[in-house]
Amino acid sequence: MNIGENIYKTERQDIDDDSMRFYFFSNGEKEILKIIEYQKVGLLKEKSLFNLGFGDYNWEEQKLSDTAISDNQDHYIVLNTVLSTIPIFFEKYPHSILLVQGSDSTLTFIENCERNCTKNCQFECKKAHRRINLYKRFIERNYLHLSLNYKFYSGAVNMSGLFVKTEYLENNDSKIIFIEKIV
């Protein structure tokens, strides 16, 4: 994913055969340690399925917090930095599928938001799905270039709790994206 040079410097850590992390500092109004984590979560169509996790490092719990909203005024540099690690992921796991979904698309997030709503939402939480929508906008703006190296699919979870992938369509309302490297 060619996103230019407007990124933060990352440090890579291969945790084990099924996961890797990248660390970097967001240098906006504050200095915040961020983590990008790729972790195997199962199989899909007989291929390894990895989740892309991203968030702030929670110093108290010493783990990634994918629900933190740091609003550090550098969101495009942060997004570019996350996207810059995807080719590295596919170098290590070329025959895998990458699962991308926003933590603000989960039922738990939406229920918590509705309980503490400050936006007067009536039919649908206005804070939900912002994270996945960032990824979808990037894909749609760069689809022709990206589709030379990657296949994109919309995703869903069926009634049995299993992931299902379907054709990626522009302006879809899917809350999950699957990415595969064309090899």
Foldseek 3Di string as FASTA:
>chain_A
DPPDDLAFDWDKDDPDLFKIKIWGWDPAPDTFIKMWMWGFDQDDPNATEIETAIATQDPVVRHGDLVDDPPRVSVVRHVSHNVVCVVVVCVSRQRHKYKYFHPLQDPVNQVVCVVVPPPPDDPGDPPGLPVVVVVLVVCVVCVVVCVVFKAKWAWDQDPVRHIDTHHDDRPDPGRMMMMHTDD
